[in-house]
Amino acid sequence: MGERIWTAGLVVIGDEILSGRTQDKNIAQIATWLNVQGIRLSEVRVVPDVEARIVEGVNALRTGYDYCFTTGGIGPTHDDITVDAIAVALGVEVVIHPEARAVMERYYETRGGLTEARLRMARVPEGAELIPNRMSGAPGIRVGNLFILAGVPHITAGMLDALTGTLEGGRPVLSRTIGSWAAESEIADFLGATERAFEGVAIGSYPFFRDGKTGANFVVRATDQTVLDACAEALATGLRKLGLEAVEGGI
């Protein structure tokens, strides 16, 4: 008997992906993240903003795999119907989550207040828990083995970050942080290449602005210590070659 392989399915929701107006980055991002947890992304479906198609996709993948993720359609506009469709799929009501409402009230306090449209982002299928989102206020949603994430890739990244190491069946995730006074945009290509050079590694980039300077902390994650260390060393060496410092443990 080999080790049990845990699996996940992903439903990418949105007309703009199907029309080609928006290029999906979340499939690669979620696949890499799951890989690092030791969970295999086994199937992806891209569906339009149509309730019946979302219900069909979600029900197939949440019952077919250990986990099901969805991205897209949880914003403030009337065509963001993911939450309603998932409630239909699960046979439950849509409710306003009190904690989500409080989060949104705090977030929009200085941004023009909580409008009816913005309050839509506090709606969840009954029985749901929240996935923290430090980027834009509106939280992600977890119902059982179903994870409802934002469609905007950097917001999706923050939600995945909050879920790191919390999924049953995933192996414990190890991490090392390296900080540098570098603009993330200047070294994006180098970071991507370093991540691709090491199987089973993800590099998270967390920019900050301090003392009038721009910097970033890079968190390297893997389940294998040897691979983790090799990637972190390559990252530090590469940064120094670019004339940048590399601070072990972060800045």
Protein backbone atom coordinates (compact mmCIF):
# COMPACT_ATOMS: atom_id res chain seq x y z
CA MET A 1 0.00 0.00 0.00
CA GLY A 2 1.46 3.35 -1.04
CA GLU A 3 0.74 6.61 0.69
CA ARG A 4 -2.86 7.77 0.13
CA ILE A 5 -2.92 10.57 -2.41
CA TRP A 6 -5.26 13.42 -1.53
CA THR A 7 -6.91 15.14 -4.45
CA ALA A 8 -8.63 18.39 -5.34
CA GLY A 9 -10.78 19.78 -8.13
CA LEU A 10 -11.02 23.44 -9.20
CA VAL A 11 -13.97 25.27 -10.74
CA VAL A 12 -12.86 28.53 -12.41
CA ILE A 13 -15.93 30.76 -12.68
CA GLY A 14 -16.28 33.67 -15.08
CA ASP A 15 -17.39 34.71 -18.53
CA GLU A 16 -14.28 36.92 -18.84
CA ILE A 17 -12.01 33.84 -18.67
CA LEU A 18 -14.03 32.02 -21.35
CA SER A 19 -14.12 35.06 -23.63
CA GLY A 20 -10.32 35.40 -23.41
CA ARG A 21 -10.55 38.94 -22.04
CA THR A 22 -8.85 37.76 -18.84
CA GLN A 23 -6.04 35.23 -18.79
CA ASP A 24 -6.44 32.81 -15.90
CA LYS A 25 -3.45 32.71 -13.54
CA ASN A 26 -5.20 30.87 -10.73
CA ILE A 27 -4.98 27.36 -12.18
CA ALA A 28 -1.16 27.42 -12.04
CA GLN A 29 -1.16 29.25 -8.70
CA ILE A 30 -3.55 26.81 -7.01
CA ALA A 31 -1.89 23.75 -8.56
CA THR A 32 1.52 24.88 -7.26
CA TRP A 33 0.11 25.67 -3.82
CA LEU A 34 -1.66 22.29 -3.56
CA ASN A 35 1.50 20.53 -4.74
CA VAL A 36 3.46 22.07 -1.90
CA GLN A 37 0.79 20.83 0.56
CA GLY A 38 1.15 17.34 -0.95
CA ILE A 39 -2.32 17.43 -2.56
CA ARG A 40 -2.86 16.76 -6.27
CA LEU A 41 -4.99 19.01 -8.47
CA SER A 42 -6.81 16.34 -10.48
CA GLU A 43 -9.39 18.24 -12.55
CA VAL A 44 -10.22 21.81 -13.57
CA ARG A 45 -13.47 23.07 -15.09
CA VAL A 46 -13.96 26.59 -16.43
CA VAL A 47 -17.63 27.57 -16.28
CA PRO A 48 -19.61 30.70 -17.21
CA ASP A 49 -21.51 32.97 -14.80
CA VAL A 50 -24.56 30.72 -15.10
CA GLU A 51 -26.05 29.18 -11.97
CA ALA A 52 -26.82 25.75 -13.45
CA ARG A 53 -23.27 25.37 -14.83
CA ILE A 54 -21.67 26.40 -11.51
CA VAL A 55 -23.94 24.00 -9.56
CA GLU A 56 -23.11 21.13 -11.92
CA GLY A 57 -19.34 21.77 -11.78
CA VAL A 58 -19.18 22.23 -8.02
CA ASN A 59 -21.28 19.15 -7.25
CA ALA A 60 -19.22 16.96 -9.59
CA LEU A 61 -15.86 18.05 -8.18
CA ARG A 62 -16.74 18.29 -4.48
CA THR A 63 -18.04 14.71 -4.54
CA GLY A 64 -15.34 13.41 -6.91
CA TYR A 65 -12.29 14.63 -4.95
CA ASP A 66 -11.21 15.27 -1.36
CA TYR A 67 -11.39 19.04 -1.87
CA CYS A 68 -13.04 21.43 -4.27
CA PHE A 69 -11.88 25.02 -4.86
CA THR A 70 -13.68 27.74 -6.78
CA THR A 71 -12.28 31.07 -7.99
CA GLY A 72 -14.25 34.09 -9.15
CA GLY A 73 -17.68 35.61 -8.84
CA ILE A 74 -17.67 36.65 -5.16
CA GLY A 75 -17.46 40.43 -5.66
CA PRO A 76 -20.04 43.19 -5.07
CA THR A 77 -21.81 43.21 -8.46
CA HIS A 78 -25.09 41.55 -9.42
CA ASP A 79 -23.37 39.11 -11.80
CA ASP A 80 -21.26 37.73 -8.94
CA ILE A 81 -23.49 34.71 -8.35
CA THR A 82 -21.02 32.13 -7.01
CA VAL A 83 -22.29 32.21 -3.42
CA ASP A 84 -25.92 31.79 -4.50
CA ALA A 85 -25.05 28.97 -6.91
CA ILE A 86 -23.01 27.11 -4.28
CA ALA A 87 -25.86 27.45 -1.75
CA VAL A 88 -28.14 25.84 -4.38
CA ALA A 89 -25.54 23.08 -4.95
CA LEU A 90 -25.40 22.35 -1.21
CA GLY A 91 -29.15 22.76 -0.66
CA VAL A 92 -28.75 25.51 1.97
CA GLU A 93 -29.84 29.15 2.38
CA VAL A 94 -27.64 32.21 1.80
CA VAL A 95 -27.07 34.18 5.03
CA ILE A 96 -25.10 37.27 6.03
CA HIS A 97 -22.11 36.05 8.07
CA PRO A 98 -21.88 38.33 11.15
CA GLU A 99 -18.06 38.18 11.27
CA ALA A 100 -17.81 38.92 7.53
CA ARG A 101 -20.16 41.86 8.00
CA ALA A 102 -17.96 43.23 10.82
CA VAL A 103 -14.82 42.79 8.67
CA MET A 104 -16.47 44.66 5.78
CA GLU A 105 -17.72 47.44 8.07
CA ARG A 106 -14.18 47.98 9.39
CA TYR A 107 -12.63 47.83 5.93
CA TYR A 108 -15.04 50.31 4.33
CA GLU A 109 -15.26 52.66 7.33
CA THR A 110 -12.69 54.98 5.72
CA ARG A 111 -13.65 54.04 2.15
CA GLY A 112 -17.15 55.48 1.90
CA GLY A 113 -19.00 53.07 4.18
CA LEU A 114 -20.75 49.73 3.72
CA THR A 115 -23.13 50.03 0.76
CA GLU A 116 -25.77 47.47 -0.19
CA ALA A 117 -23.46 46.23 -2.97
CA ARG A 118 -20.50 45.85 -0.60
CA LEU A 119 -22.64 44.02 1.95
CA ARG A 120 -23.19 41.37 -0.74
CA MET A 121 -19.60 40.29 -0.04
CA ALA A 122 -20.63 39.22 3.50
CA ARG A 123 -23.15 36.69 2.11
CA VAL A 124 -22.24 33.02 2.58
CA PRO A 125 -23.92 29.63 2.23
CA GLU A 126 -25.35 28.72 5.65
CA GLY A 127 -22.86 26.83 7.84
CA ALA A 128 -19.79 28.42 6.22
CA GLU A 129 -16.56 29.55 7.90
CA LEU A 130 -14.44 32.47 6.66
CA ILE A 131 -11.00 32.41 5.03
CA PRO A 132 -9.09 35.57 6.07
CA ASN A 133 -8.15 38.04 3.34
CA ARG A 134 -5.68 40.74 4.35
CA MET A 135 -5.67 42.26 0.85
CA SER A 136 -9.13 43.61 0.21
CA GLY A 137 -11.37 43.09 3.20
CA ALA A 138 -13.83 40.62 1.67
CA PRO A 139 -13.05 37.16 3.07
CA GLY A 140 -13.03 33.83 1.26
CA ILE A 141 -15.47 31.14 2.33
CA ARG A 142 -15.08 27.53 3.43
CA VAL A 143 -18.00 25.08 3.61
CA GLY A 144 -16.88 21.57 4.47
CA ASN A 145 -14.46 20.43 1.74
CA LEU A 146 -15.33 23.41 -0.47
CA PHE A 147 -13.18 26.55 -0.64
CA ILE A 148 -14.65 29.63 -2.33
CA LEU A 149 -11.86 32.04 -3.32
CA ALA A 150 -11.60 35.39 -5.08
CA GLY A 151 -10.82 35.54 -8.80
CA VAL A 152 -8.15 38.29 -8.63
CA PRO A 153 -4.84 36.37 -8.46
CA HIS A 154 -3.04 38.41 -5.76
CA ILE A 155 -6.15 38.26 -3.55
CA THR A 156 -6.45 34.51 -4.22
CA ALA A 157 -2.78 34.23 -3.15
CA GLY A 158 -3.52 35.86 0.20
CA MET A 159 -6.41 33.47 0.84
CA LEU A 160 -4.25 30.45 -0.05
CA ASP A 161 -1.61 31.81 2.29
CA ALA A 162 -4.17 31.82 5.13
CA LEU A 163 -5.00 28.16 4.33
CA THR A 164 -1.37 26.94 4.16
CA GLY A 165 -0.82 23.88 6.31
CA THR A 166 -4.52 23.62 7.37
CA LEU A 167 -5.77 20.97 4.92
CA GLU A 168 -6.03 17.42 6.20
CA GLY A 169 -4.01 15.02 4.10
CA GLY A 170 -1.43 17.65 3.31
CA ARG A 171 2.09 17.08 4.58
CA PRO A 172 3.49 19.62 7.08
CA VAL A 173 4.79 22.62 5.16
CA LEU A 174 8.24 23.95 6.03
CA SER A 175 9.32 27.49 5.25
CA ARG A 176 12.32 29.84 5.13
CA THR A 177 12.14 33.61 4.71
CA ILE A 178 14.65 35.78 2.88
CA GLY A 179 14.27 39.56 2.86
CA SER A 180 15.69 42.08 0.43
CA TRP A 181 15.48 45.81 -0.24
CA ALA A 182 14.25 45.20 -3.75
CA ALA A 183 11.14 46.19 -5.69
CA GLU A 184 9.15 43.03 -6.31
CA SER A 185 8.55 44.02 -9.95
CA GLU A 186 12.30 44.23 -10.71
CA ILE A 187 12.96 40.64 -9.71
CA ALA A 188 9.64 38.95 -10.62
CA ASP A 189 11.23 37.01 -13.51
CA PHE A 190 14.13 35.83 -11.35
CA LEU A 191 11.71 34.68 -8.62
CA GLY A 192 9.60 32.76 -11.13
CA ALA A 193 12.64 31.05 -12.62
CA THR A 194 13.97 30.09 -9.17
CA GLU A 195 10.59 28.62 -8.17
CA ARG A 196 10.38 26.60 -11.40
CA ALA A 197 13.89 25.22 -10.93
CA PHE A 198 12.84 23.34 -7.78
CA GLU A 199 10.07 20.74 -7.91
CA GLY A 200 7.52 21.05 -5.09
CA VAL A 201 8.49 24.57 -3.98
CA ALA A 202 6.41 27.74 -3.86
CA ILE A 203 7.84 31.22 -3.28
CA GLY A 204 5.49 33.81 -1.78
CA SER A 205 6.46 37.45 -2.21
CA TYR A 206 5.38 40.02 0.40
CA PRO A 207 6.31 43.59 -0.54
CA PHE A 208 6.54 46.40 2.03
CA PHE A 209 7.44 50.09 2.17
CA ARG A 210 9.57 51.17 5.13
CA ASP A 211 11.78 54.16 5.94
CA GLY A 212 11.03 55.54 2.48
CA LYS A 213 12.36 52.37 0.84
CA THR A 214 10.71 49.48 -0.97
CA GLY A 215 11.53 45.94 0.02
CA ALA A 216 10.04 42.45 0.05
CA ASN A 217 10.19 39.30 2.10
CA PHE A 218 10.23 36.08 0.14
CA VAL A 219 8.83 33.00 1.86
CA VAL A 220 10.04 29.73 0.37
CA ARG A 221 7.79 26.77 1.18
CA ALA A 222 8.16 23.02 0.64
CA THR A 223 7.48 19.78 2.50
CA ASP A 224 11.06 18.55 1.97
CA GLN A 225 13.80 20.24 4.03
CA THR A 226 16.58 19.47 1.52
CA VAL A 227 14.67 20.96 -1.42
CA LEU A 228 13.62 23.93 0.74
CA ASP A 229 17.22 24.69 1.72
CA ALA A 230 18.52 24.29 -1.83
CA CYS A 231 15.91 26.71 -3.17
CA ALA A 232 16.46 29.26 -0.38
CA GLU A 233 20.24 29.18 -0.99
CA ALA A 234 19.71 29.63 -4.76
CA LEU A 235 17.40 32.57 -4.05
CA ALA A 236 19.90 34.24 -1.70
CA THR A 237 22.82 33.67 -4.11
CA GLY A 238 20.81 35.00 -7.05
CA LEU A 239 19.77 38.14 -5.16
CA ARG A 240 23.41 38.86 -4.27
CA LYS A 241 24.46 38.36 -7.90
CA LEU A 242 21.90 41.03 -8.80
CA GLY A 243 23.66 43.34 -6.34
CA LEU A 244 20.92 43.04 -3.71
CA GLU A 245 21.27 41.92 -0.13
CA ALA A 246 19.61 38.74 1.07
CA VAL A 247 18.63 38.77 4.75
CA GLU A 248 18.02 35.33 6.25
CA GLY A 249 14.86 35.35 8.38
CA GLY A 250 13.46 38.38 6.53
CA ILE A 251 13.54 42.14 7.12
